[in-house]
Amino acid sequence: MAPVTATATPVPPPPLGGEIYRLALPNTASAAKVSRDFVTSVLGIGRHRDLGLVDDARLCVTEVVGYFR
């Protein structure tokens, strides 16, 4: 039986006028706070200053980071 190898999926280019942000976090208790602060900063400097959007994004990123911890 042949070994299974994983292949990396290429990252698509950003949309015109768009930005890409990437954050690598250690698997520690502070990862959720760091990710929330990162999302708040990114949304605050962009066109997405709506407080409801920022709060929702902070909640979502906390759930995702907590799931993988």
PDB file of N, CA and C in Angstrom:
ATOM      1  N   MET A   1       0.852  -1.184   0.000  1.00  0.00           N
ATOM      2  CA  MET A   1       0.000   0.000   0.000  1.00  0.00           C
ATOM      3  C   MET A   1       0.890   1.236   0.000  1.00  0.00           C
ATOM      4  N   ALA A   2       0.609   2.180  -0.896  1.00  0.00           N
ATOM      5  CA  ALA A   2       1.414   3.392  -1.026  1.00  0.00           C
ATOM      6  C   ALA A   2       1.132   4.341   0.131  1.00  0.00           C
ATOM      7  N   PRO A   3       2.161   5.034   0.634  1.00  0.00           N
ATOM      8  CA  PRO A   3       1.933   6.004   1.716  1.00  0.00           C
ATOM      9  C   PRO A   3       1.109   7.185   1.221  1.00  0.00           C
ATOM     10  N   VAL A   4       0.327   7.729   2.104  1.00  0.00           N
ATOM     11  CA  VAL A   4      -0.499   8.899   1.787  1.00  0.00           C
ATOM     12  C   VAL A   4       0.308  10.136   2.129  1.00  0.00           C
ATOM     13  N   THR A   5       0.402  11.050   1.200  1.00  0.00           N
ATOM     14  CA  THR A   5       1.118  12.294   1.452  1.00  0.00           C
ATOM     15  C   THR A   5       0.150  13.463   1.372  1.00  0.00           C
ATOM     16  N   ALA A   6       0.364  14.414   2.229  1.00  0.00           N
ATOM     17  CA  ALA A   6      -0.489  15.610   2.247  1.00  0.00           C
ATOM     18  C   ALA A   6       0.115  16.657   1.326  1.00  0.00           C
ATOM     19  N   THR A   7      -0.724  17.336   0.605  1.00  0.00           N
ATOM     20  CA  THR A   7      -0.257  18.427  -0.242  1.00  0.00           C
ATOM     21  C   THR A   7      -0.862  19.725   0.257  1.00  0.00           C
ATOM     22  N   ALA A   8      -0.063  20.762   0.212  1.00  0.00           N
ATOM     23  CA  ALA A   8      -0.534  22.067   0.666  1.00  0.00           C
ATOM     24  C   ALA A   8      -1.402  22.705  -0.413  1.00  0.00           C
ATOM     25  N   THR A   9      -2.503  23.249   0.001  1.00  0.00           N
ATOM     26  CA  THR A   9      -3.380  23.964  -0.919  1.00  0.00           C
ATOM     27  C   THR A   9      -2.840  25.377  -1.083  1.00  0.00           C
ATOM     28  N   PRO A  10      -2.640  25.835  -2.308  1.00  0.00           N
ATOM     29  CA  PRO A  10      -2.126  27.197  -2.487  1.00  0.00           C
ATOM     30  C   PRO A  10      -3.126  28.227  -1.966  1.00  0.00           C
ATOM     31  N   VAL A  11      -2.588  29.279  -1.401  1.00  0.00           N
ATOM     32  CA  VAL A  11      -3.423  30.365  -0.878  1.00  0.00           C
ATOM     33  C   VAL A  11      -3.826  31.253  -2.047  1.00  0.00           C
ATOM     34  N   PRO A  12      -5.132  31.507  -2.208  1.00  0.00           N
ATOM     35  CA  PRO A  12      -5.553  32.368  -3.323  1.00  0.00           C
ATOM     36  C   PRO A  12      -5.082  33.800  -3.095  1.00  0.00           C
ATOM     37  N   PRO A  13      -4.895  34.548  -4.167  1.00  0.00           N
ATOM     38  CA  PRO A  13      -4.475  35.941  -4.006  1.00  0.00           C
ATOM     39  C   PRO A  13      -5.587  36.749  -3.351  1.00  0.00           C
ATOM     40  N   PRO A  14      -5.224  37.829  -2.662  1.00  0.00           N
ATOM     41  CA  PRO A  14      -6.252  38.666  -2.037  1.00  0.00           C
ATOM     42  C   PRO A  14      -7.103  39.349  -3.102  1.00  0.00           C
ATOM     43  N   PRO A  15      -8.335  39.698  -2.740  1.00  0.00           N
ATOM     44  CA  PRO A  15      -9.169  40.436  -3.688  1.00  0.00           C
ATOM     45  C   PRO A  15      -8.557  41.806  -3.967  1.00  0.00           C
ATOM     46  N   LEU A  16      -8.921  42.392  -5.091  1.00  0.00           N
ATOM     47  CA  LEU A  16      -8.398  43.716  -5.407  1.00  0.00           C
ATOM     48  C   LEU A  16      -8.692  44.684  -4.277  1.00  0.00           C
ATOM     49  N   GLY A  17      -7.679  45.363  -3.836  1.00  0.00           N
ATOM     50  CA  GLY A  17      -7.845  46.327  -2.765  1.00  0.00           C
ATOM     51  C   GLY A  17      -7.958  45.688  -1.392  1.00  0.00           C
ATOM     52  N   GLY A  18      -7.793  44.373  -1.290  1.00  0.00           N
ATOM     53  CA  GLY A  18      -7.924  43.685  -0.020  1.00  0.00           C
ATOM     54  C   GLY A  18      -6.579  43.438   0.638  1.00  0.00           C
ATOM     55  N   GLU A  19      -6.626  43.111   1.884  1.00  0.00           N
ATOM     56  CA  GLU A  19      -5.428  42.819   2.644  1.00  0.00           C
ATOM     57  C   GLU A  19      -5.528  41.410   3.198  1.00  0.00           C
ATOM     58  N   ILE A  20      -4.387  40.821   3.506  1.00  0.00           N
ATOM     59  CA  ILE A  20      -4.344  39.529   4.177  1.00  0.00           C
ATOM     60  C   ILE A  20      -3.564  39.711   5.467  1.00  0.00           C
ATOM     61  N   TYR A  21      -4.110  39.226   6.542  1.00  0.00           N
ATOM     62  CA  TYR A  21      -3.432  39.254   7.831  1.00  0.00           C
ATOM     63  C   TYR A  21      -3.316  37.822   8.325  1.00  0.00           C
ATOM     64  N   ARG A  22      -2.203  37.505   8.925  1.00  0.00           N
ATOM     65  CA  ARG A  22      -1.985  36.154   9.429  1.00  0.00           C
ATOM     66  C   ARG A  22      -1.361  36.256  10.811  1.00  0.00           C
ATOM     67  N   LEU A  23      -1.797  35.404  11.725  1.00  0.00           N
ATOM     68  CA  LEU A  23      -1.300  35.406  13.093  1.00  0.00           C
ATOM     69  C   LEU A  23      -1.026  33.973  13.511  1.00  0.00           C
ATOM     70  N   ALA A  24       0.168  33.711  13.998  1.00  0.00           N
ATOM     71  CA  ALA A  24       0.516  32.388  14.527  1.00  0.00           C
ATOM     72  C   ALA A  24       0.528  32.493  16.046  1.00  0.00           C
ATOM     73  N   LEU A  25      -0.181  31.584  16.693  1.00  0.00           N
ATOM     74  CA  LEU A  25      -0.306  31.618  18.148  1.00  0.00           C
ATOM     75  C   LEU A  25       0.257  30.351  18.781  1.00  0.00           C
ATOM     76  N   PRO A  26       0.890  30.493  19.940  1.00  0.00           N
ATOM     77  CA  PRO A  26       1.293  29.291  20.658  1.00  0.00           C
ATOM     78  C   PRO A  26       0.069  28.670  21.333  1.00  0.00           C
ATOM     79  N   ASN A  27       0.146  27.411  21.654  1.00  0.00           N
ATOM     80  CA  ASN A  27      -0.959  26.716  22.322  1.00  0.00           C
ATOM     81  C   ASN A  27      -0.874  26.981  23.822  1.00  0.00           C
ATOM     82  N   THR A  28      -1.232  28.202  24.222  1.00  0.00           N
ATOM     83  CA  THR A  28      -1.181  28.611  25.623  1.00  0.00           C
ATOM     84  C   THR A  28      -2.507  29.245  26.028  1.00  0.00           C
ATOM     85  N   ALA A  29      -2.655  29.468  27.309  1.00  0.00           N
ATOM     86  CA  ALA A  29      -3.888  30.063  27.827  1.00  0.00           C
ATOM     87  C   ALA A  29      -4.089  31.495  27.336  1.00  0.00           C
ATOM     88  N   SER A  30      -3.026  32.186  26.976  1.00  0.00           N
ATOM     89  CA  SER A  30      -3.153  33.577  26.533  1.00  0.00           C
ATOM     90  C   SER A  30      -3.494  33.708  25.043  1.00  0.00           C
ATOM     91  N   ALA A  31      -3.557  32.605  24.305  1.00  0.00           N
ATOM     92  CA  ALA A  31      -3.798  32.661  22.864  1.00  0.00           C
ATOM     93  C   ALA A  31      -5.136  33.319  22.529  1.00  0.00           C
ATOM     94  N   ALA A  32      -6.169  33.047  23.291  1.00  0.00           N
ATOM     95  CA  ALA A  32      -7.485  33.636  22.998  1.00  0.00           C
ATOM     96  C   ALA A  32      -7.455  35.152  23.139  1.00  0.00           C
ATOM     97  N   LYS A  33      -6.816  35.652  24.191  1.00  0.00           N
ATOM     98  CA  LYS A  33      -6.742  37.099  24.381  1.00  0.00           C
ATOM     99  C   LYS A  33      -5.919  37.761  23.278  1.00  0.00           C
ATOM    100  N   VAL A  34      -4.802  37.146  22.920  1.00  0.00           N
ATOM    101  CA  VAL A  34      -3.964  37.693  21.855  1.00  0.00           C
ATOM    102  C   VAL A  34      -4.743  37.737  20.542  1.00  0.00           C
ATOM    103  N   SER A  35      -5.487  36.680  20.245  1.00  0.00           N
ATOM    104  CA  SER A  35      -6.255  36.646  19.002  1.00  0.00           C
ATOM    105  C   SER A  35      -7.390  37.673  19.014  1.00  0.00           C
ATOM    106  N   ARG A  36      -8.060  37.843  20.146  1.00  0.00           N
ATOM    107  CA  ARG A  36      -9.114  38.865  20.240  1.00  0.00           C
ATOM    108  C   ARG A  36      -8.546  40.257  20.006  1.00  0.00           C
ATOM    109  N   ASP A  37      -7.396  40.544  20.635  1.00  0.00           N
ATOM    110  CA  ASP A  37      -6.774  41.858  20.464  1.00  0.00           C
ATOM    111  C   ASP A  37      -6.337  42.080  19.018  1.00  0.00           C
ATOM    112  N   PHE A  38      -5.838  41.029  18.376  1.00  0.00           N
ATOM    113  CA  PHE A  38      -5.415  41.113  16.976  1.00  0.00           C
ATOM    114  C   PHE A  38      -6.608  41.441  16.076  1.00  0.00           C
ATOM    115  N   VAL A  39      -7.708  40.722  16.258  1.00  0.00           N
ATOM    116  CA  VAL A  39      -8.904  40.958  15.452  1.00  0.00           C
ATOM    117  C   VAL A  39      -9.451  42.361  15.682  1.00  0.00           C
ATOM    118  N   THR A  40      -9.456  42.805  16.915  1.00  0.00           N
ATOM    119  CA  THR A  40      -9.917  44.161  17.228  1.00  0.00           C
ATOM    120  C   THR A  40      -9.062  45.201  16.519  1.00  0.00           C
ATOM    121  N   SER A  41      -7.753  45.008  16.540  1.00  0.00           N
ATOM    122  CA  SER A  41      -6.847  45.954  15.876  1.00  0.00           C
ATOM    123  C   SER A  41      -7.053  45.970  14.371  1.00  0.00           C
ATOM    124  N   VAL A  42      -7.149  44.796  13.766  1.00  0.00           N
ATOM    125  CA  VAL A  42      -7.310  44.709  12.316  1.00  0.00           C
ATOM    126  C   VAL A  42      -8.633  45.342  11.888  1.00  0.00           C
ATOM    127  N   LEU A  43      -9.704  45.046  12.586  1.00  0.00           N
ATOM    128  CA  LEU A  43     -10.999  45.621  12.218  1.00  0.00           C
ATOM    129  C   LEU A  43     -11.049  47.113  12.521  1.00  0.00           C
ATOM    130  N   GLY A  44     -10.319  47.549  13.532  1.00  0.00           N
ATOM    131  CA  GLY A  44     -10.311  48.963  13.895  1.00  0.00           C
ATOM    132  C   GLY A  44      -9.589  49.843  12.900  1.00  0.00           C
ATOM    133  N   ILE A  45      -8.552  49.308  12.242  1.00  0.00           N
ATOM    134  CA  ILE A  45      -7.799  50.127  11.290  1.00  0.00           C
ATOM    135  C   ILE A  45      -8.411  50.082   9.898  1.00  0.00           C
ATOM    136  N   GLY A  46      -9.290  49.141   9.674  1.00  0.00           N
ATOM    137  CA  GLY A  46      -9.901  49.000   8.353  1.00  0.00           C
ATOM    138  C   GLY A  46     -11.223  49.725   8.262  1.00  0.00           C
ATOM    139  N   ARG A  47     -12.019  49.258   7.345  1.00  0.00           N
ATOM    140  CA  ARG A  47     -13.328  49.881   7.097  1.00  0.00           C
ATOM    141  C   ARG A  47     -14.421  49.249   7.963  1.00  0.00           C
ATOM    142  N   HIS A  48     -14.056  48.464   8.942  1.00  0.00           N
ATOM    143  CA  HIS A  48     -15.029  47.671   9.700  1.00  0.00           C
ATOM    144  C   HIS A  48     -15.088  48.102  11.159  1.00  0.00           C
ATOM    145  N   ARG A  49     -15.336  49.339  11.391  1.00  0.00           N
ATOM    146  CA  ARG A  49     -15.328  49.851  12.765  1.00  0.00           C
ATOM    147  C   ARG A  49     -16.655  49.674  13.487  1.00  0.00           C
ATOM    148  N   ASP A  50     -17.635  49.120  12.824  1.00  0.00           N
ATOM    149  CA  ASP A  50     -18.943  48.884  13.447  1.00  0.00           C
ATOM    150  C   ASP A  50     -18.741  48.051  14.708  1.00  0.00           C
ATOM    151  N   LEU A  51     -19.159  48.576  15.850  1.00  0.00           N
ATOM    152  CA  LEU A  51     -18.922  47.909  17.125  1.00  0.00           C
ATOM    153  C   LEU A  51     -19.551  46.527  17.171  1.00  0.00           C
ATOM    154  N   GLY A  52     -20.714  46.358  16.579  1.00  0.00           N
ATOM    155  CA  GLY A  52     -21.354  45.048  16.566  1.00  0.00           C
ATOM    156  C   GLY A  52     -20.514  44.018  15.831  1.00  0.00           C
ATOM    157  N   LEU A  53     -19.903  44.412  14.724  1.00  0.00           N
ATOM    158  CA  LEU A  53     -19.052  43.508  13.964  1.00  0.00           C
ATOM    159  C   LEU A  53     -17.813  43.131  14.770  1.00  0.00           C
ATOM    160  N   VAL A  54     -17.206  44.091  15.430  1.00  0.00           N
ATOM    161  CA  VAL A  54     -16.004  43.828  16.223  1.00  0.00           C
ATOM    162  C   VAL A  54     -16.331  42.867  17.362  1.00  0.00           C
ATOM    163  N   ASP A  55     -17.419  43.105  18.057  1.00  0.00           N
ATOM    164  CA  ASP A  55     -17.799  42.216  19.165  1.00  0.00           C
ATOM    165  C   ASP A  55     -18.097  40.804  18.675  1.00  0.00           C
ATOM    166  N   ASP A  56     -18.796  40.693  17.562  1.00  0.00           N
ATOM    167  CA  ASP A  56     -19.092  39.368  17.004  1.00  0.00           C
ATOM    168  C   ASP A  56     -17.820  38.653  16.575  1.00  0.00           C
ATOM    169  N   ALA A  57     -16.909  39.384  15.933  1.00  0.00           N
ATOM    170  CA  ALA A  57     -15.656  38.785  15.487  1.00  0.00           C
ATOM    171  C   ALA A  57     -14.810  38.332  16.672  1.00  0.00           C
ATOM    172  N   ARG A  58     -14.794  39.127  17.744  1.00  0.00           N
ATOM    173  CA  ARG A  58     -14.034  38.737  18.943  1.00  0.00           C
ATOM    174  C   ARG A  58     -14.591  37.450  19.548  1.00  0.00           C
ATOM    175  N   LEU A  59     -15.898  37.337  19.586  1.00  0.00           N
ATOM    176  CA  LEU A  59     -16.516  36.122  20.116  1.00  0.00           C
ATOM    177  C   LEU A  59     -16.170  34.919  19.234  1.00  0.00           C
ATOM    178  N   CYS A  60     -16.273  35.084  17.930  1.00  0.00           N
ATOM    179  CA  CYS A  60     -15.986  33.974  17.008  1.00  0.00           C
ATOM    180  C   CYS A  60     -14.540  33.516  17.110  1.00  0.00           C
ATOM    181  N   VAL A  61     -13.612  34.454  17.130  1.00  0.00           N
ATOM    182  CA  VAL A  61     -12.203  34.065  17.196  1.00  0.00           C
ATOM    183  C   VAL A  61     -11.884  33.393  18.533  1.00  0.00           C
ATOM    184  N   THR A  62     -12.532  33.808  19.596  1.00  0.00           N
ATOM    185  CA  THR A  62     -12.329  33.152  20.891  1.00  0.00           C
ATOM    186  C   THR A  62     -12.806  31.707  20.837  1.00  0.00           C
ATOM    187  N   GLU A  63     -13.951  31.468  20.216  1.00  0.00           N
ATOM    188  CA  GLU A  63     -14.477  30.111  20.092  1.00  0.00           C
ATOM    189  C   GLU A  63     -13.550  29.227  19.262  1.00  0.00           C
ATOM    190  N   VAL A  64     -13.041  29.760  18.165  1.00  0.00           N
ATOM    191  CA  VAL A  64     -12.176  28.967  17.294  1.00  0.00           C
ATOM    192  C   VAL A  64     -10.855  28.650  18.001  1.00  0.00           C
ATOM    193  N   VAL A  65     -10.252  29.649  18.607  1.00  0.00           N
ATOM    194  CA  VAL A  65      -8.979  29.420  19.294  1.00  0.00           C
ATOM    195  C   VAL A  65      -9.173  28.476  20.477  1.00  0.00           C
ATOM    196  N   GLY A  66     -10.270  28.640  21.205  1.00  0.00           N
ATOM    197  CA  GLY A  66     -10.556  27.736  22.333  1.00  0.00           C
ATOM    198  C   GLY A  66     -10.800  26.313  21.901  1.00  0.00           C
ATOM    199  N   TYR A  67     -11.381  26.133  20.733  1.00  0.00           N
ATOM    200  CA  TYR A  67     -11.662  24.781  20.222  1.00  0.00           C
ATOM    201  C   TYR A  67     -10.358  24.035  19.936  1.00  0.00           C
ATOM    202  N   PHE A  68      -9.371  24.730  19.399  1.00  0.00           N
ATOM    203  CA  PHE A  68      -8.124  24.082  19.025  1.00  0.00           C
ATOM    204  C   PHE A  68      -7.103  24.037  20.159  1.00  0.00           C
ATOM    205  N   ARG A  69      -7.419  24.599  21.267  1.00  0.00           N
ATOM    206  CA  ARG A  69      -6.492  24.577  22.401  1.00  0.00           C
ATOM    207  C   ARG A  69      -6.563  23.286  23.124  1.00  0.00           C
TER     208      ARG A  69
END
